[in-house]
PDB file of N, CA and C in Angstrom:
ATOM      1  N   MET A   1      10.817 -11.964  58.514  1.00  0.00           N
ATOM      2  CA  MET A   1      10.678 -10.576  58.867  1.00  0.00           C
ATOM      3  C   MET A   1      11.023 -10.406  60.332  1.00  0.00           C
ATOM      4  N   GLU A   2      11.574  -9.290  60.620  1.00  0.00           N
ATOM      5  CA  GLU A   2      12.071  -9.049  61.960  1.00  0.00           C
ATOM      6  C   GLU A   2      11.419  -7.791  62.510  1.00  0.00           C
ATOM      7  N   MET A   3      10.851  -7.907  63.691  1.00  0.00           N
ATOM      8  CA  MET A   3      10.203  -6.771  64.331  1.00  0.00           C
ATOM      9  C   MET A   3      11.223  -6.050  65.199  1.00  0.00           C
ATOM     10  N   GLN A   4      11.360  -4.749  65.017  1.00  0.00           N
ATOM     11  CA  GLN A   4      12.329  -3.970  65.770  1.00  0.00           C
ATOM     12  C   GLN A   4      11.643  -2.754  66.375  1.00  0.00           C
ATOM     13  N   MET A   5      12.184  -2.282  67.484  1.00  0.00           N
ATOM     14  CA  MET A   5      11.663  -1.085  68.132  1.00  0.00           C
ATOM     15  C   MET A   5      12.736   0.000  68.070  1.00  0.00           C
ATOM     16  N   GLN A   6      12.325   1.159  67.595  1.00  0.00           N
ATOM     17  CA  GLN A   6      13.239   2.291  67.538  1.00  0.00           C
ATOM     18  C   GLN A   6      12.443   3.528  67.928  1.00  0.00           C
ATOM     19  N   VAL A   7      12.812   4.162  68.997  1.00  0.00           N
ATOM     20  CA  VAL A   7      12.171   5.347  69.539  1.00  0.00           C
ATOM     21  C   VAL A   7      10.669   5.083  69.762  1.00  0.00           C
ATOM     22  N   GLY A   8      10.330   3.867  70.193  1.00  0.00           N
ATOM     23  CA  GLY A   8       8.949   3.549  70.504  1.00  0.00           C
ATOM     24  C   GLY A   8       8.061   3.286  69.306  1.00  0.00           C
ATOM     25  N   ILE A   9       8.602   3.285  68.085  1.00  0.00           N
ATOM     26  CA  ILE A   9       7.801   3.070  66.882  1.00  0.00           C
ATOM     27  C   ILE A   9       8.175   1.705  66.296  1.00  0.00           C
ATOM     28  N   PRO A  10       7.228   0.745  66.248  1.00  0.00           N
ATOM     29  CA  PRO A  10       7.555  -0.562  65.670  1.00  0.00           C
ATOM     30  C   PRO A  10       7.569  -0.494  64.139  1.00  0.00           C
ATOM     31  N   PHE A  11       8.490  -1.209  63.537  1.00  0.00           N
ATOM     32  CA  PHE A  11       8.496  -1.320  62.078  1.00  0.00           C
ATOM     33  C   PHE A  11       9.008  -2.702  61.702  1.00  0.00           C
ATOM     34  N   ILE A  12       8.658  -3.118  60.514  1.00  0.00           N
ATOM     35  CA  ILE A  12       9.039  -4.442  60.026  1.00  0.00           C
ATOM     36  C   ILE A  12      10.014  -4.254  58.880  1.00  0.00           C
ATOM     37  N   SER A  13      11.163  -4.877  58.964  1.00  0.00           N
ATOM     38  CA  SER A  13      12.139  -4.778  57.875  1.00  0.00           C
ATOM     39  C   SER A  13      11.978  -5.973  56.944  1.00  0.00           C
ATOM     40  N   GLN A  14      11.933  -5.713  55.651  1.00  0.00           N
ATOM     41  CA  GLN A  14      11.800  -6.750  54.639  1.00  0.00           C
ATOM     42  C   GLN A  14      13.179  -7.135  54.129  1.00  0.00           C
ATOM     43  N   PRO A  15      13.402  -8.409  53.863  1.00  0.00           N
ATOM     44  CA  PRO A  15      14.683  -8.797  53.265  1.00  0.00           C
ATOM     45  C   PRO A  15      14.805  -8.242  51.851  1.00  0.00           C
ATOM     46  N   SER A  16      15.979  -7.771  51.492  1.00  0.00           N
ATOM     47  CA  SER A  16      16.149  -7.113  50.198  1.00  0.00           C
ATOM     48  C   SER A  16      16.502  -8.070  49.074  1.00  0.00           C
ATOM     49  N   ASN A  17      16.697  -9.354  49.357  1.00  0.00           N
ATOM     50  CA  ASN A  17      17.089 -10.288  48.320  1.00  0.00           C
ATOM     51  C   ASN A  17      15.900 -11.030  47.720  1.00  0.00           C
ATOM     52  N   ARG A  18      14.690 -10.532  47.882  1.00  0.00           N
ATOM     53  CA  ARG A  18      13.492 -11.171  47.347  1.00  0.00           C
ATOM     54  C   ARG A  18      13.185 -10.594  45.976  1.00  0.00           C
ATOM     55  N   ILE A  19      13.764 -11.170  44.947  1.00  0.00           N
ATOM     56  CA  ILE A  19      13.575 -10.671  43.594  1.00  0.00           C
ATOM     57  C   ILE A  19      12.650 -11.565  42.791  1.00  0.00           C
ATOM     58  N   ASN A  20      12.908 -12.854  42.819  1.00  0.00           N
ATOM     59  CA  ASN A  20      12.194 -13.779  41.975  1.00  0.00           C
ATOM     60  C   ASN A  20      11.511 -14.852  42.819  1.00  0.00           C
ATOM     61  N   SER A  21      10.327 -15.251  42.406  1.00  0.00           N
ATOM     62  CA  SER A  21       9.550 -16.252  43.111  1.00  0.00           C
ATOM     63  C   SER A  21       9.993 -17.662  42.733  1.00  0.00           C
ATOM     64  N   ARG A  22       9.799 -18.608  43.658  1.00  0.00           N
ATOM     65  CA  ARG A  22      10.088 -20.008  43.354  1.00  0.00           C
ATOM     66  C   ARG A  22       8.940 -20.652  42.609  1.00  0.00           C
ATOM     67  N   GLY A  23       7.762 -20.044  42.627  1.00  0.00           N
ATOM     68  CA  GLY A  23       6.611 -20.558  41.898  1.00  0.00           C
ATOM     69  C   GLY A  23       5.426 -20.817  42.796  1.00  0.00           C
ATOM     70  N   ILE A  24       4.241 -20.825  42.190  1.00  0.00           N
ATOM     71  CA  ILE A  24       3.027 -21.036  42.971  1.00  0.00           C
ATOM     72  C   ILE A  24       2.873 -22.489  43.378  1.00  0.00           C
ATOM     73  N   TRP A  25       3.566 -23.409  42.700  1.00  0.00           N
ATOM     74  CA  TRP A  25       3.462 -24.824  43.047  1.00  0.00           C
ATOM     75  C   TRP A  25       4.140 -25.117  44.384  1.00  0.00           C
ATOM     76  N   LEU A  26       5.061 -24.284  44.782  1.00  0.00           N
ATOM     77  CA  LEU A  26       5.716 -24.439  46.080  1.00  0.00           C
ATOM     78  C   LEU A  26       5.069 -23.557  47.143  1.00  0.00           C
ATOM     79  N   ARG A  27       3.829 -23.144  46.878  1.00  0.00           N
ATOM     80  CA  ARG A  27       3.036 -22.285  47.772  1.00  0.00           C
ATOM     81  C   ARG A  27       3.755 -20.971  48.089  1.00  0.00           C
ATOM     82  N   ASP A  28       4.343 -20.405  47.060  1.00  0.00           N
ATOM     83  CA  ASP A  28       5.050 -19.140  47.182  1.00  0.00           C
ATOM     84  C   ASP A  28       4.186 -18.052  46.552  1.00  0.00           C
ATOM     85  N   ASP A  29       3.996 -16.928  47.227  1.00  0.00           N
ATOM     86  CA  ASP A  29       3.193 -15.833  46.692  1.00  0.00           C
ATOM     87  C   ASP A  29       4.030 -15.040  45.699  1.00  0.00           C
ATOM     88  N   PRO A  30       3.746 -15.135  44.390  1.00  0.00           N
ATOM     89  CA  PRO A  30       4.591 -14.448  43.415  1.00  0.00           C
ATOM     90  C   PRO A  30       4.481 -12.925  43.477  1.00  0.00           C
ATOM     91  N   LEU A  31       3.391 -12.397  43.996  1.00  0.00           N
ATOM     92  CA  LEU A  31       3.231 -10.943  44.035  1.00  0.00           C
ATOM     93  C   LEU A  31       3.963 -10.293  45.199  1.00  0.00           C
ATOM     94  N   SER A  32       4.613 -11.078  46.040  1.00  0.00           N
ATOM     95  CA  SER A  32       5.417 -10.499  47.105  1.00  0.00           C
ATOM     96  C   SER A  32       6.873 -10.299  46.654  1.00  0.00           C
ATOM     97  N   TYR A  33       7.162 -10.614  45.420  1.00  0.00           N
ATOM     98  CA  TYR A  33       8.497 -10.439  44.848  1.00  0.00           C
ATOM     99  C   TYR A  33       8.444  -9.342  43.791  1.00  0.00           C
ATOM    100  N   SER A  34       9.569  -8.697  43.539  1.00  0.00           N
ATOM    101  CA  SER A  34       9.572  -7.499  42.709  1.00  0.00           C
ATOM    102  C   SER A  34       9.408  -7.771  41.219  1.00  0.00           C
ATOM    103  N   ILE A  35      10.045  -8.781  40.666  1.00  0.00           N
ATOM    104  CA  ILE A  35       9.985  -9.001  39.214  1.00  0.00           C
ATOM    105  C   ILE A  35       8.602  -9.476  38.758  1.00  0.00           C
ATOM    106  N   PRO A  36       7.978 -10.461  39.408  1.00  0.00           N
ATOM    107  CA  PRO A  36       6.627 -10.831  38.971  1.00  0.00           C
ATOM    108  C   PRO A  36       5.616  -9.694  39.131  1.00  0.00           C
ATOM    109  N   LEU A  37       5.773  -8.898  40.175  1.00  0.00           N
ATOM    110  CA  LEU A  37       4.872  -7.764  40.367  1.00  0.00           C
ATOM    111  C   LEU A  37       5.067  -6.724  39.271  1.00  0.00           C
ATOM    112  N   LEU A  38       6.300  -6.469  38.882  1.00  0.00           N
ATOM    113  CA  LEU A  38       6.580  -5.532  37.797  1.00  0.00           C
ATOM    114  C   LEU A  38       5.991  -6.032  36.485  1.00  0.00           C
ATOM    115  N   LEU A  39       6.127  -7.326  36.203  1.00  0.00           N
ATOM    116  CA  LEU A  39       5.562  -7.885  34.975  1.00  0.00           C
ATOM    117  C   LEU A  39       4.038  -7.794  34.964  1.00  0.00           C
ATOM    118  N   LEU A  40       3.402  -8.009  36.110  1.00  0.00           N
ATOM    119  CA  LEU A  40       1.951  -7.881  36.197  1.00  0.00           C
ATOM    120  C   LEU A  40       1.515  -6.436  35.954  1.00  0.00           C
ATOM    121  N   GLN A  41       2.220  -5.484  36.533  1.00  0.00           N
ATOM    122  CA  GLN A  41       1.871  -4.079  36.361  1.00  0.00           C
ATOM    123  C   GLN A  41       2.056  -3.632  34.912  1.00  0.00           C
ATOM    124  N   LEU A  42       3.137  -4.075  34.275  1.00  0.00           N
ATOM    125  CA  LEU A  42       3.347  -3.723  32.870  1.00  0.00           C
ATOM    126  C   LEU A  42       2.296  -4.355  31.966  1.00  0.00           C
ATOM    127  N   SER A  43       1.914  -5.578  32.270  1.00  0.00           N
ATOM    128  CA  SER A  43       0.883  -6.251  31.482  1.00  0.00           C
ATOM    129  C   SER A  43      -0.461  -5.543  31.623  1.00  0.00           C
ATOM    130  N   LEU A  44      -0.816  -5.171  32.845  1.00  0.00           N
ATOM    131  CA  LEU A  44      -2.080  -4.467  33.052  1.00  0.00           C
ATOM    132  C   LEU A  44      -2.087  -3.098  32.373  1.00  0.00           C
ATOM    133  N   ALA A  45      -0.960  -2.411  32.389  1.00  0.00           N
ATOM    134  CA  ALA A  45      -0.880  -1.114  31.717  1.00  0.00           C
ATOM    135  C   ALA A  45      -1.033  -1.280  30.214  1.00  0.00           C
ATOM    136  N   SER A  46      -0.430  -2.303  29.648  1.00  0.00           N
ATOM    137  CA  SER A  46      -0.536  -2.544  28.213  1.00  0.00           C
ATOM    138  C   SER A  46      -1.960  -2.926  27.820  1.00  0.00           C
ATOM    139  N   ILE A  47      -2.593  -3.790  28.606  1.00  0.00           N
ATOM    140  CA  ILE A  47      -3.970  -4.201  28.301  1.00  0.00           C
ATOM    141  C   ILE A  47      -4.924  -3.021  28.411  1.00  0.00           C
ATOM    142  N   LEU A  48      -4.756  -2.196  29.431  1.00  0.00           N
ATOM    143  CA  LEU A  48      -5.617  -1.028  29.602  1.00  0.00           C
ATOM    144  C   LEU A  48      -5.430  -0.029  28.466  1.00  0.00           C
ATOM    145  N   THR A  49      -4.194   0.157  28.011  1.00  0.00           N
ATOM    146  CA  THR A  49      -3.939   1.076  26.900  1.00  0.00           C
ATOM    147  C   THR A  49      -4.601   0.570  25.621  1.00  0.00           C
ATOM    148  N   ARG A  50      -4.494  -0.722  25.343  1.00  0.00           N
ATOM    149  CA  ARG A  50      -5.133  -1.296  24.143  1.00  0.00           C
ATOM    150  C   ARG A  50      -6.648  -1.183  24.213  1.00  0.00           C
ATOM    151  N   LEU A  51      -7.211  -1.428  25.397  1.00  0.00           N
ATOM    152  CA  LEU A  51      -8.661  -1.334  25.556  1.00  0.00           C
ATOM    153  C   LEU A  51      -9.139   0.101  25.350  1.00  0.00           C
ATOM    154  N   LEU A  52      -8.447   1.051  25.959  1.00  0.00           N
ATOM    155  CA  LEU A  52      -8.819   2.458  25.768  1.00  0.00           C
ATOM    156  C   LEU A  52      -8.637   2.885  24.323  1.00  0.00           C
ATOM    157  N   SER A  53      -7.595   2.414  23.667  1.00  0.00           N
ATOM    158  CA  SER A  53      -7.369   2.751  22.262  1.00  0.00           C
ATOM    159  C   SER A  53      -8.497   2.213  21.397  1.00  0.00           C
ATOM    160  N   PHE A  54      -8.947   0.992  21.675  1.00  0.00           N
ATOM    161  CA  PHE A  54     -10.041   0.399  20.919  1.00  0.00           C
ATOM    162  C   PHE A  54     -11.334   1.176  21.119  1.00  0.00           C
ATOM    163  N   LEU A  55     -11.607   1.570  22.373  1.00  0.00           N
ATOM    164  CA  LEU A  55     -12.837   2.312  22.650  1.00  0.00           C
ATOM    165  C   LEU A  55     -12.803   3.726  22.100  1.00  0.00           C
ATOM    166  N   LEU A  56     -11.642   4.382  22.157  1.00  0.00           N
ATOM    167  CA  LEU A  56     -11.549   5.766  21.694  1.00  0.00           C
ATOM    168  C   LEU A  56     -11.395   5.869  20.177  1.00  0.00           C
ATOM    169  N   LYS A  57     -11.053   4.777  19.520  1.00  0.00           N
ATOM    170  CA  LYS A  57     -10.930   4.798  18.062  1.00  0.00           C
ATOM    171  C   LYS A  57     -12.295   5.052  17.417  1.00  0.00           C
ATOM    172  N   ARG A  58     -13.340   4.596  18.081  1.00  0.00           N
ATOM    173  CA  ARG A  58     -14.694   4.843  17.580  1.00  0.00           C
ATOM    174  C   ARG A  58     -15.067   6.319  17.676  1.00  0.00           C
ATOM    175  N   CYS A  59     -14.417   7.047  18.581  1.00  0.00           N
ATOM    176  CA  CYS A  59     -14.668   8.492  18.729  1.00  0.00           C
ATOM    177  C   CYS A  59     -13.677   9.312  17.919  1.00  0.00           C
ATOM    178  N   ALA A  60     -12.936   8.668  17.034  1.00  0.00           N
ATOM    179  CA  ALA A  60     -11.956   9.309  16.158  1.00  0.00           C
ATOM    180  C   ALA A  60     -10.828   9.979  16.939  1.00  0.00           C
ATOM    181  N   GLN A  61     -10.384   9.314  18.013  1.00  0.00           N
ATOM    182  CA  GLN A  61      -9.270   9.812  18.816  1.00  0.00           C
ATOM    183  C   GLN A  61      -8.021   8.988  18.498  1.00  0.00           C
ATOM    184  N   PRO A  62      -6.856   9.630  18.431  1.00  0.00           N
ATOM    185  CA  PRO A  62      -5.624   8.870  18.172  1.00  0.00           C
ATOM    186  C   PRO A  62      -5.220   8.038  19.391  1.00  0.00           C
ATOM    187  N   SER A  63      -4.324   7.099  19.183  1.00  0.00           N
ATOM    188  CA  SER A  63      -3.901   6.225  20.278  1.00  0.00           C
ATOM    189  C   SER A  63      -3.125   6.985  21.352  1.00  0.00           C
ATOM    190  N   PHE A  64      -2.585   8.136  20.985  1.00  0.00           N
ATOM    191  CA  PHE A  64      -1.869   8.970  21.950  1.00  0.00           C
ATOM    192  C   PHE A  64      -2.786   9.394  23.098  1.00  0.00           C
ATOM    193  N   VAL A  65      -4.043   9.666  22.796  1.00  0.00           N
ATOM    194  CA  VAL A  65      -5.009  10.061  23.824  1.00  0.00           C
ATOM    195  C   VAL A  65      -5.244   8.907  24.795  1.00  0.00           C
ATOM    196  N   SER A  66      -5.323   7.689  24.277  1.00  0.00           N
ATOM    197  CA  SER A  66      -5.522   6.534  25.169  1.00  0.00           C
ATOM    198  C   SER A  66      -4.314   6.310  26.069  1.00  0.00           C
ATOM    199  N   GLN A  67      -3.122   6.589  25.569  1.00  0.00           N
ATOM    200  CA  GLN A  67      -1.925   6.436  26.394  1.00  0.00           C
ATOM    201  C   GLN A  67      -1.896   7.467  27.518  1.00  0.00           C
ATOM    202  N   ILE A  68      -2.310   8.693  27.216  1.00  0.00           N
ATOM    203  CA  ILE A  68      -2.364   9.728  28.251  1.00  0.00           C
ATOM    204  C   ILE A  68      -3.415   9.377  29.304  1.00  0.00           C
ATOM    205  N   LEU A  69      -4.591   8.914  28.865  1.00  0.00           N
ATOM    206  CA  LEU A  69      -5.628   8.529  29.815  1.00  0.00           C
ATOM    207  C   LEU A  69      -5.204   7.332  30.660  1.00  0.00           C
ATOM    208  N   ASP A  70      -4.452   6.433  30.067  1.00  0.00           N
ATOM    209  CA  ASP A  70      -3.933   5.291  30.805  1.00  0.00           C
ATOM    210  C   ASP A  70      -2.963   5.744  31.893  1.00  0.00           C
ATOM    211  N   LEU A  71      -2.068   6.650  31.565  1.00  0.00           N
ATOM    212  CA  LEU A  71      -1.134   7.168  32.571  1.00  0.00           C
ATOM    213  C   LEU A  71      -1.863   7.889  33.691  1.00  0.00           C
ATOM    214  N   LEU A  72      -2.876   8.659  33.328  1.00  0.00           N
ATOM    215  CA  LEU A  72      -3.624   9.367  34.354  1.00  0.00           C
ATOM    216  C   LEU A  72      -4.387   8.398  35.260  1.00  0.00           C
ATOM    217  N   SER A  73      -4.928   7.333  34.677  1.00  0.00           N
ATOM    218  CA  SER A  73      -5.672   6.379  35.499  1.00  0.00           C
ATOM    219  C   SER A  73      -4.753   5.548  36.389  1.00  0.00           C
ATOM    220  N   LEU A  74      -3.532   5.257  35.926  1.00  0.00           N
ATOM    221  CA  LEU A  74      -2.606   4.473  36.727  1.00  0.00           C
ATOM    222  C   LEU A  74      -1.994   5.260  37.875  1.00  0.00           C
ATOM    223  N   PHE A  75      -1.777   6.542  37.667  1.00  0.00           N
ATOM    224  CA  PHE A  75      -1.122   7.349  38.692  1.00  0.00           C
ATOM    225  C   PHE A  75      -2.107   8.124  39.554  1.00  0.00           C
ATOM    226  N   ALA A  76      -3.394   7.978  39.297  1.00  0.00           N
ATOM    227  CA  ALA A  76      -4.391   8.709  40.101  1.00  0.00           C
ATOM    228  C   ALA A  76      -4.799   7.923  41.319  1.00  0.00           C
TER     229      ALA A  76
END
């Protein structure tokens, strides 16, 4: 990372070629790369939707309601 000064405001520029991690065995943080982070976010959204669907099924709600609540909870 490179620290630069522009009009008195410091900012840090990130390299744009960080897509995929080399792995945790090489002491690489996988969540600082875009693809592993995207996979984690999609997995959490899917798990949350299934959990809400399971809980709302007892209240006789369709799975569509759990998907809407999941979107609202993720974007809130």
